[in-house]
PDB file of all heavy atoms in Angstrom:
ATOM      1  N   ALA A   1      48.459 149.992 189.979  1.00  0.00           N
ATOM      2  CA  ALA A   1      48.937 149.317 188.765  1.00  0.00           C
ATOM      3  C   ALA A   1      47.819 148.472 188.169  1.00  0.00           C
ATOM      4  O   ALA A   1      47.139 147.733 188.878  1.00  0.00           O
ATOM      5  CB  ALA A   1      50.141 148.440 189.101  1.00  0.00           C
ATOM      6  N   HIS A   2      47.652 148.592 186.871  1.00  0.00           N
ATOM      7  CA  HIS A   2      46.593 147.837 186.193  1.00  0.00           C
ATOM      8  C   HIS A   2      47.146 147.193 184.924  1.00  0.00           C
ATOM      9  O   HIS A   2      46.857 147.642 183.810  1.00  0.00           O
ATOM     10  CB  HIS A   2      45.415 148.745 185.837  1.00  0.00           C
ATOM     11  CG  HIS A   2      44.785 149.389 187.021  1.00  0.00           C
ATOM     12  ND1 HIS A   2      44.016 148.700 187.929  1.00  0.00           N
ATOM     13  CD2 HIS A   2      44.839 150.673 187.463  1.00  0.00           C
ATOM     14  CE1 HIS A   2      43.600 149.526 188.872  1.00  0.00           C
ATOM     15  NE2 HIS A   2      44.089 150.726 188.624  1.00  0.00           N
ATOM     16  N   PRO A   3      47.950 146.132 185.056  1.00  0.00           N
ATOM     17  CA  PRO A   3      48.565 145.525 183.872  1.00  0.00           C
ATOM     18  C   PRO A   3      47.560 144.915 182.910  1.00  0.00           C
ATOM     19  O   PRO A   3      47.835 144.770 181.729  1.00  0.00           O
ATOM     20  CB  PRO A   3      49.474 144.449 184.474  1.00  0.00           C
ATOM     21  CG  PRO A   3      48.878 144.155 185.809  1.00  0.00           C
ATOM     22  CD  PRO A   3      48.321 145.456 186.292  1.00  0.00           C
ATOM     23  N   GLU A   4      46.380 144.562 183.410  1.00  0.00           N
ATOM     24  CA  GLU A   4      45.397 143.949 182.521  1.00  0.00           C
ATOM     25  C   GLU A   4      44.885 144.927 181.480  1.00  0.00           C
ATOM     26  O   GLU A   4      44.354 144.535 180.435  1.00  0.00           O
ATOM     27  CB  GLU A   4      44.232 143.374 183.339  1.00  0.00           C
ATOM     28  CG  GLU A   4      43.321 144.407 183.970  1.00  0.00           C
ATOM     29  CD  GLU A   4      43.858 144.930 185.303  1.00  0.00           C
ATOM     30  OE1 GLU A   4      44.990 144.574 185.666  1.00  0.00           O
ATOM     31  OE2 GLU A   4      43.127 145.699 185.962  1.00  0.00           O
ATOM     32  N   THR A   5      45.055 146.249 181.727  1.00  0.00           N
ATOM     33  CA  THR A   5      44.630 147.245 180.759  1.00  0.00           C
ATOM     34  C   THR A   5      45.807 147.799 179.965  1.00  0.00           C
ATOM     35  O   THR A   5      45.660 148.751 179.212  1.00  0.00           O
ATOM     36  CB  THR A   5      43.919 148.410 181.469  1.00  0.00           C
ATOM     37  OG1 THR A   5      44.833 149.043 182.381  1.00  0.00           O
ATOM     38  CG2 THR A   5      42.697 147.920 182.220  1.00  0.00           C
ATOM     39  N   GLY A   6      46.976 147.199 180.179  1.00  0.00           N
ATOM     40  CA  GLY A   6      48.155 147.643 179.438  1.00  0.00           C
ATOM     41  C   GLY A   6      48.839 148.843 180.038  1.00  0.00           C
ATOM     42  O   GLY A   6      49.741 149.419 179.444  1.00  0.00           O
ATOM     43  N   GLU A   7      48.420 149.259 181.270  1.00  0.00           N
ATOM     44  CA  GLU A   7      48.992 150.440 181.882  1.00  0.00           C
ATOM     45  C   GLU A   7      50.299 150.154 182.610  1.00  0.00           C
ATOM     46  O   GLU A   7      50.978 151.063 183.054  1.00  0.00           O
ATOM     47  CB  GLU A   7      47.976 151.062 182.848  1.00  0.00           C
ATOM     48  CG  GLU A   7      46.732 151.591 182.145  1.00  0.00           C
ATOM     49  CD  GLU A   7      45.707 152.111 183.139  1.00  0.00           C
ATOM     50  OE1 GLU A   7      46.105 152.516 184.245  1.00  0.00           O
ATOM     51  OE2 GLU A   7      44.511 152.119 182.811  1.00  0.00           O
ATOM     52  N   LEU A   8      50.640 148.895 182.757  1.00  0.00           N
ATOM     53  CA  LEU A   8      51.880 148.537 183.431  1.00  0.00           C
ATOM     54  C   LEU A   8      52.629 147.517 182.589  1.00  0.00           C
ATOM     55  O   LEU A   8      52.184 146.389 182.441  1.00  0.00           O
ATOM     56  CB  LEU A   8      51.600 147.954 184.819  1.00  0.00           C
ATOM     57  CG  LEU A   8      52.844 147.604 185.656  1.00  0.00           C
ATOM     58  CD1 LEU A   8      53.582 148.868 186.072  1.00  0.00           C
ATOM     59  CD2 LEU A   8      52.466 146.788 186.881  1.00  0.00           C
ATOM     60  N   ALA A   9      53.752 147.935 182.029  1.00  0.00           N
ATOM     61  CA  ALA A   9      54.562 147.018 181.244  1.00  0.00           C
ATOM     62  C   ALA A   9      55.272 146.048 182.178  1.00  0.00           C
ATOM     63  O   ALA A   9      55.468 146.321 183.359  1.00  0.00           O
ATOM     64  CB  ALA A   9      55.582 147.805 180.423  1.00  0.00           C
ATOM     65  N   ALA A  10      55.664 144.899 181.628  1.00  0.00           N
ATOM     66  CA  ALA A  10      56.341 143.890 182.447  1.00  0.00           C
ATOM     67  C   ALA A  10      57.584 144.461 183.116  1.00  0.00           C
ATOM     68  O   ALA A  10      57.841 144.208 184.293  1.00  0.00           O
ATOM     69  CB  ALA A  10      56.687 142.679 181.589  1.00  0.00           C
ATOM     70  N   ASP A  11      58.372 145.257 182.385  1.00  0.00           N
ATOM     71  CA  ASP A  11      59.594 145.812 182.960  1.00  0.00           C
ATOM     72  C   ASP A  11      59.276 146.757 184.119  1.00  0.00           C
ATOM     73  O   ASP A  11      59.998 146.804 185.120  1.00  0.00           O
ATOM     74  CB  ASP A  11      60.403 146.549 181.890  1.00  0.00           C
ATOM     75  CG  ASP A  11      61.053 145.592 180.899  1.00  0.00           C
ATOM     76  OD1 ASP A  11      61.171 144.386 181.226  1.00  0.00           O
ATOM     77  OD2 ASP A  11      61.429 146.041 179.799  1.00  0.00           O
ATOM     78  N   ASP A  12      58.188 147.539 183.988  1.00  0.00           N
ATOM     79  CA  ASP A  12      57.783 148.429 185.071  1.00  0.00           C
ATOM     80  C   ASP A  12      57.320 147.632 186.281  1.00  0.00           C
ATOM     81  O   ASP A  12      57.568 148.005 187.434  1.00  0.00           O
ATOM     82  CB  ASP A  12      56.659 149.361 184.610  1.00  0.00           C
ATOM     83  CG  ASP A  12      57.108 150.326 183.537  1.00  0.00           C
ATOM     84  OD1 ASP A  12      58.300 150.674 183.522  1.00  0.00           O
ATOM     85  OD2 ASP A  12      56.275 150.716 182.704  1.00  0.00           O
ATOM     86  N   TYR A  13      56.644 146.528 186.026  1.00  0.00           N
ATOM     87  CA  TYR A  13      56.198 145.659 187.115  1.00  0.00           C
ATOM     88  C   TYR A  13      57.401 145.120 187.876  1.00  0.00           C
ATOM     89  O   TYR A  13      57.429 145.159 189.115  1.00  0.00           O
ATOM     90  CB  TYR A  13      55.369 144.515 186.551  1.00  0.00           C
ATOM     91  CG  TYR A  13      55.183 143.359 187.516  1.00  0.00           C
ATOM     92  CD1 TYR A  13      54.362 143.480 188.626  1.00  0.00           C
ATOM     93  CD2 TYR A  13      55.863 142.161 187.318  1.00  0.00           C
ATOM     94  CE1 TYR A  13      54.207 142.424 189.512  1.00  0.00           C
ATOM     95  CE2 TYR A  13      55.709 141.105 188.197  1.00  0.00           C
ATOM     96  CZ  TYR A  13      54.880 141.239 189.291  1.00  0.00           C
ATOM     97  OH  TYR A  13      54.738 140.193 190.161  1.00  0.00           O
ATOM     98  N   TYR A  14      58.400 144.626 187.156  1.00  0.00           N
ATOM     99  CA  TYR A  14      59.564 144.073 187.837  1.00  0.00           C
ATOM    100  C   TYR A  14      60.376 145.150 188.553  1.00  0.00           C
ATOM    101  O   TYR A  14      61.032 144.877 189.562  1.00  0.00           O
ATOM    102  CB  TYR A  14      60.422 143.273 186.857  1.00  0.00           C
ATOM    103  CG  TYR A  14      59.752 141.988 186.444  1.00  0.00           C
ATOM    104  CD1 TYR A  14      59.442 141.716 185.116  1.00  0.00           C
ATOM    105  CD2 TYR A  14      59.366 141.051 187.401  1.00  0.00           C
ATOM    106  CE1 TYR A  14      58.797 140.541 184.752  1.00  0.00           C
ATOM    107  CE2 TYR A  14      58.714 139.880 187.039  1.00  0.00           C
ATOM    108  CZ  TYR A  14      58.435 139.636 185.717  1.00  0.00           C
ATOM    109  OH  TYR A  14      57.783 138.487 185.370  1.00  0.00           O
ATOM    110  N   ALA A  15      60.317 146.382 188.069  1.00  0.00           N
ATOM    111  CA  ALA A  15      60.955 147.487 188.790  1.00  0.00           C
ATOM    112  C   ALA A  15      60.231 147.732 190.115  1.00  0.00           C
ATOM    113  O   ALA A  15      60.868 148.005 191.146  1.00  0.00           O
ATOM    114  CB  ALA A  15      60.949 148.749 187.937  1.00  0.00           C
ATOM    115  N   LEU A  16      58.899 147.618 190.097  1.00  0.00           N
ATOM    116  CA  LEU A  16      58.122 147.763 191.322  1.00  0.00           C
ATOM    117  C   LEU A  16      58.416 146.612 192.285  1.00  0.00           C
ATOM    118  O   LEU A  16      58.538 146.811 193.498  1.00  0.00           O
ATOM    119  CB  LEU A  16      56.634 147.806 190.975  1.00  0.00           C
ATOM    120  CG  LEU A  16      55.646 148.160 192.093  1.00  0.00           C
ATOM    121  CD1 LEU A  16      56.027 149.463 192.776  1.00  0.00           C
ATOM    122  CD2 LEU A  16      54.229 148.245 191.520  1.00  0.00           C
ATOM    123  N   ILE A  17      58.565 145.403 191.735  1.00  0.00           N
ATOM    124  CA  ILE A  17      58.935 144.248 192.559  1.00  0.00           C
ATOM    125  C   ILE A  17      60.311 144.474 193.192  1.00  0.00           C
ATOM    126  O   ILE A  17      60.541 144.121 194.359  1.00  0.00           O
ATOM    127  CB  ILE A  17      58.952 142.960 191.717  1.00  0.00           C
ATOM    128  CG1 ILE A  17      57.537 142.602 191.282  1.00  0.00           C
ATOM    129  CG2 ILE A  17      59.579 141.809 192.496  1.00  0.00           C
ATOM    130  CD1 ILE A  17      56.601 142.269 192.414  1.00  0.00           C
ATOM    131  N   ALA A  18      61.241 145.060 192.440  1.00  0.00           N
ATOM    132  CA  ALA A  18      62.579 145.327 192.975  1.00  0.00           C
ATOM    133  C   ALA A  18      62.500 146.297 194.155  1.00  0.00           C
ATOM    134  O   ALA A  18      63.233 146.142 195.146  1.00  0.00           O
ATOM    135  CB  ALA A  18      63.486 145.887 191.876  1.00  0.00           C
ATOM    136  N   ARG A  19      61.617 147.286 194.073  1.00  0.00           N
ATOM    137  CA  ARG A  19      61.408 148.208 195.198  1.00  0.00           C
ATOM    138  C   ARG A  19      60.880 147.443 196.410  1.00  0.00           C
ATOM    139  O   ARG A  19      61.332 147.667 197.544  1.00  0.00           O
ATOM    140  CB  ARG A  19      60.412 149.295 194.821  1.00  0.00           C
ATOM    141  CG  ARG A  19      60.936 150.412 193.950  1.00  0.00           C
ATOM    142  CD  ARG A  19      59.827 151.388 193.592  1.00  0.00           C
ATOM    143  NE  ARG A  19      59.125 151.906 194.771  1.00  0.00           N
ATOM    144  CZ  ARG A  19      57.957 152.556 194.706  1.00  0.00           C
ATOM    145  NH1 ARG A  19      57.372 152.756 193.543  1.00  0.00           N
ATOM    146  NH2 ARG A  19      57.395 153.000 195.820  1.00  0.00           N
ATOM    147  N   PHE A  20      59.938 146.569 196.168  1.00  0.00           N
ATOM    148  CA  PHE A  20      59.366 145.762 197.253  1.00  0.00           C
ATOM    149  C   PHE A  20      60.456 144.885 197.889  1.00  0.00           C
ATOM    150  O   PHE A  20      60.567 144.811 199.121  1.00  0.00           O
ATOM    151  CB  PHE A  20      58.233 144.902 196.709  1.00  0.00           C
ATOM    152  CG  PHE A  20      57.637 143.954 197.718  1.00  0.00           C
ATOM    153  CD1 PHE A  20      56.636 144.378 198.583  1.00  0.00           C
ATOM    154  CD2 PHE A  20      58.082 142.640 197.809  1.00  0.00           C
ATOM    155  CE1 PHE A  20      56.096 143.514 199.527  1.00  0.00           C
ATOM    156  CE2 PHE A  20      57.552 141.768 198.749  1.00  0.00           C
ATOM    157  CZ  PHE A  20      56.546 142.202 199.612  1.00  0.00           C
ATOM    158  N   ASP A  21      61.256 144.219 197.056  1.00  0.00           N
ATOM    159  CA  ASP A  21      62.321 143.347 197.569  1.00  0.00           C
ATOM    160  C   ASP A  21      63.321 144.136 198.411  1.00  0.00           C
ATOM    161  O   ASP A  21      63.776 143.665 199.463  1.00  0.00           O
ATOM    162  CB  ASP A  21      63.040 142.654 196.417  1.00  0.00           C
ATOM    163  CG  ASP A  21      62.207 141.565 195.755  1.00  0.00           C
ATOM    164  OD1 ASP A  21      61.196 141.138 196.354  1.00  0.00           O
ATOM    165  OD2 ASP A  21      62.571 141.144 194.638  1.00  0.00           O
ATOM    166  N   ALA A  22      63.683 145.325 197.944  1.00  0.00           N
ATOM    167  CA  ALA A  22      64.655 146.142 198.677  1.00  0.00           C
ATOM    168  C   ALA A  22      64.093 146.546 200.039  1.00  0.00           C
ATOM    169  O   ALA A  22      64.812 146.528 201.054  1.00  0.00           O
ATOM    170  CB  ALA A  22      65.023 147.378 197.866  1.00  0.00           C
ATOM    171  N   GLU A  23      62.813 146.904 200.071  1.00  0.00           N
ATOM    172  CA  GLU A  23      62.192 147.295 201.342  1.00  0.00           C
ATOM    173  C   GLU A  23      62.065 146.088 202.267  1.00  0.00           C
ATOM    174  O   GLU A  23      62.253 146.196 203.494  1.00  0.00           O
ATOM    175  CB  GLU A  23      60.822 147.909 201.075  1.00  0.00           C
ATOM    176  CG  GLU A  23      60.283 148.747 202.220  1.00  0.00           C
ATOM    177  CD  GLU A  23      61.162 149.955 202.528  1.00  0.00           C
ATOM    178  OE1 GLU A  23      61.431 150.750 201.607  1.00  0.00           O
ATOM    179  OE2 GLU A  23      61.578 150.091 203.703  1.00  0.00           O
ATOM    180  N   LEU A  24      61.774 144.924 201.673  1.00  0.00           N
ATOM    181  CA  LEU A  24      61.679 143.696 202.465  1.00  0.00           C
ATOM    182  C   LEU A  24      63.033 143.365 203.096  1.00  0.00           C
ATOM    183  O   LEU A  24      63.109 143.024 204.287  1.00  0.00           O
ATOM    184  CB  LEU A  24      61.213 142.548 201.570  1.00  0.00           C
ATOM    185  CG  LEU A  24      60.811 141.245 202.265  1.00  0.00           C
ATOM    186  CD1 LEU A  24      59.493 141.427 203.011  1.00  0.00           C
ATOM    187  CD2 LEU A  24      60.673 140.120 201.252  1.00  0.00           C
ATOM    188  N   ASP A  25      64.105 143.471 202.317  1.00  0.00           N
ATOM    189  CA  ASP A  25      65.447 143.184 202.831  1.00  0.00           C
ATOM    190  C   ASP A  25      65.795 144.111 203.993  1.00  0.00           C
ATOM    191  O   ASP A  25      66.370 143.681 204.998  1.00  0.00           O
ATOM    192  CB  ASP A  25      66.490 143.336 201.720  1.00  0.00           C
ATOM    193  CG  ASP A  25      66.395 142.245 200.664  1.00  0.00           C
ATOM    194  OD1 ASP A  25      65.658 141.260 200.882  1.00  0.00           O
ATOM    195  OD2 ASP A  25      67.056 142.379 199.615  1.00  0.00           O
ATOM    196  N   ALA A  26      65.451 145.388 203.843  1.00  0.00           N
ATOM    197  CA  ALA A  26      65.747 146.352 204.905  1.00  0.00           C
ATOM    198  C   ALA A  26      64.947 146.038 206.163  1.00  0.00           C
ATOM    199  O   ALA A  26      65.456 146.146 207.288  1.00  0.00           O
ATOM    200  CB  ALA A  26      65.446 147.765 204.424  1.00  0.00           C
ATOM    201  N   ALA A  27      63.704 145.626 205.971  1.00  0.00           N
ATOM    202  CA  ALA A  27      62.837 145.341 207.114  1.00  0.00           C
ATOM    203  C   ALA A  27      63.285 144.094 207.862  1.00  0.00           C
ATOM    204  O   ALA A  27      63.255 144.050 209.105  1.00  0.00           O
ATOM    205  CB  ALA A  27      61.392 145.173 206.642  1.00  0.00           C
ATOM    206  N   VAL A  28      63.708 143.081 207.140  1.00  0.00           N
ATOM    207  CA  VAL A  28      64.137 141.821 207.756  1.00  0.00           C
ATOM    208  C   VAL A  28      65.344 142.042 208.669  1.00  0.00           C
ATOM    209  O   VAL A  28      65.438 141.468 209.754  1.00  0.00           O
ATOM    210  CB  VAL A  28      64.450 140.783 206.662  1.00  0.00           C
ATOM    211  CG1 VAL A  28      65.216 139.602 207.228  1.00  0.00           C
ATOM    212  CG2 VAL A  28      63.158 140.314 206.004  1.00  0.00           C
ATOM    213  N   ASP A  29      66.287 142.860 208.177  1.00  0.00           N
ATOM    214  CA  ASP A  29      67.470 143.210 208.971  1.00  0.00           C
ATOM    215  C   ASP A  29      68.195 141.965 209.469  1.00  0.00           C
ATOM    216  O   ASP A  29      68.540 141.838 210.644  1.00  0.00           O
ATOM    217  CB  ASP A  29      67.059 144.102 210.150  1.00  0.00           C
ATOM    218  CG  ASP A  29      68.274 144.725 210.849  1.00  0.00           C
ATOM    219  OD1 ASP A  29      69.309 144.905 210.176  1.00  0.00           O
ATOM    220  OD2 ASP A  29      68.180 145.019 212.056  1.00  0.00           O
ATOM    221  N   ASN A  30      68.426 141.019 208.540  1.00  0.00           N
ATOM    222  CA  ASN A  30      69.111 139.773 208.861  1.00  0.00           C
ATOM    223  C   ASN A  30      70.018 139.438 207.681  1.00  0.00           C
ATOM    224  O   ASN A  30      69.540 139.035 206.617  1.00  0.00           O
ATOM    225  CB  ASN A  30      68.091 138.653 209.099  1.00  0.00           C
ATOM    226  CG  ASN A  30      68.729 137.335 209.479  1.00  0.00           C
ATOM    227  OD1 ASN A  30      69.720 136.909 208.888  1.00  0.00           O
ATOM    228  ND2 ASN A  30      68.140 136.648 210.452  1.00  0.00           N
ATOM    229  N   ALA A  31      71.311 139.621 207.854  1.00  0.00           N
ATOM    230  CA  ALA A  31      72.247 139.482 206.738  1.00  0.00           C
ATOM    231  C   ALA A  31      72.228 138.080 206.144  1.00  0.00           C
ATOM    232  O   ALA A  31      72.371 137.914 204.925  1.00  0.00           O
ATOM    233  CB  ALA A  31      73.665 139.828 207.194  1.00  0.00           C
ATOM    234  N   TYR A  32      72.040 137.065 206.973  1.00  0.00           N
ATOM    235  CA  TYR A  32      72.036 135.686 206.475  1.00  0.00           C
ATOM    236  C   TYR A  32      70.804 135.427 205.604  1.00  0.00           C
ATOM    237  O   TYR A  32      70.895 134.831 204.527  1.00  0.00           O
ATOM    238  CB  TYR A  32      72.067 134.697 207.643  1.00  0.00           C
ATOM    239  CG  TYR A  32      73.275 134.849 208.519  1.00  0.00           C
ATOM    240  CD1 TYR A  32      73.169 135.446 209.773  1.00  0.00           C
ATOM    241  CD2 TYR A  32      74.529 134.400 208.101  1.00  0.00           C
ATOM    242  CE1 TYR A  32      74.282 135.597 210.582  1.00  0.00           C
ATOM    243  CE2 TYR A  32      75.650 134.543 208.915  1.00  0.00           C
ATOM    244  CZ  TYR A  32      75.522 135.151 210.161  1.00  0.00           C
ATOM    245  OH  TYR A  32      76.619 135.295 210.954  1.00  0.00           O
ATOM    246  N   LEU A  33      69.652 135.877 206.082  1.00  0.00           N
ATOM    247  CA  LEU A  33      68.420 135.678 205.324  1.00  0.00           C
ATOM    248  C   LEU A  33      68.436 136.481 204.029  1.00  0.00           C
ATOM    249  O   LEU A  33      68.051 135.979 202.964  1.00  0.00           O
ATOM    250  CB  LEU A  33      67.216 136.075 206.183  1.00  0.00           C
ATOM    251  CG  LEU A  33      65.830 135.896 205.559  1.00  0.00           C
ATOM    252  CD1 LEU A  33      65.617 134.468 205.071  1.00  0.00           C
ATOM    253  CD2 LEU A  33      64.753 136.277 206.579  1.00  0.00           C
ATOM    254  N   VAL A  34      68.912 137.712 204.095  1.00  0.00           N
ATOM    255  CA  VAL A  34      68.965 138.558 202.899  1.00  0.00           C
ATOM    256  C   VAL A  34      69.908 137.966 201.862  1.00  0.00           C
ATOM    257  O   VAL A  34      69.615 137.971 200.659  1.00  0.00           O
ATOM    258  CB  VAL A  34      69.388 139.993 203.279  1.00  0.00           C
ATOM    259  CG1 VAL A  34      69.736 140.806 202.030  1.00  0.00           C
ATOM    260  CG2 VAL A  34      68.271 140.680 204.062  1.00  0.00           C
ATOM    261  N   SER A  35      71.050 137.435 202.301  1.00  0.00           N
ATOM    262  CA  SER A  35      71.994 136.813 201.367  1.00  0.00           C
ATOM    263  C   SER A  35      71.356 135.623 200.672  1.00  0.00           C
ATOM    264  O   SER A  35      71.500 135.446 199.451  1.00  0.00           O
ATOM    265  CB  SER A  35      73.251 136.368 202.113  1.00  0.00           C
ATOM    266  OG  SER A  35      74.148 135.698 201.248  1.00  0.00           O
TER     267      SER A  35
END
């Protein structure tokens, strides 16, 4: 991703962040922390 060159729109960036968050939640495997 290279947002400084305009190749990544803000919405696309936040979609990538959402993927990261989902993978993080799965990895943590702790319902209290995820909540």
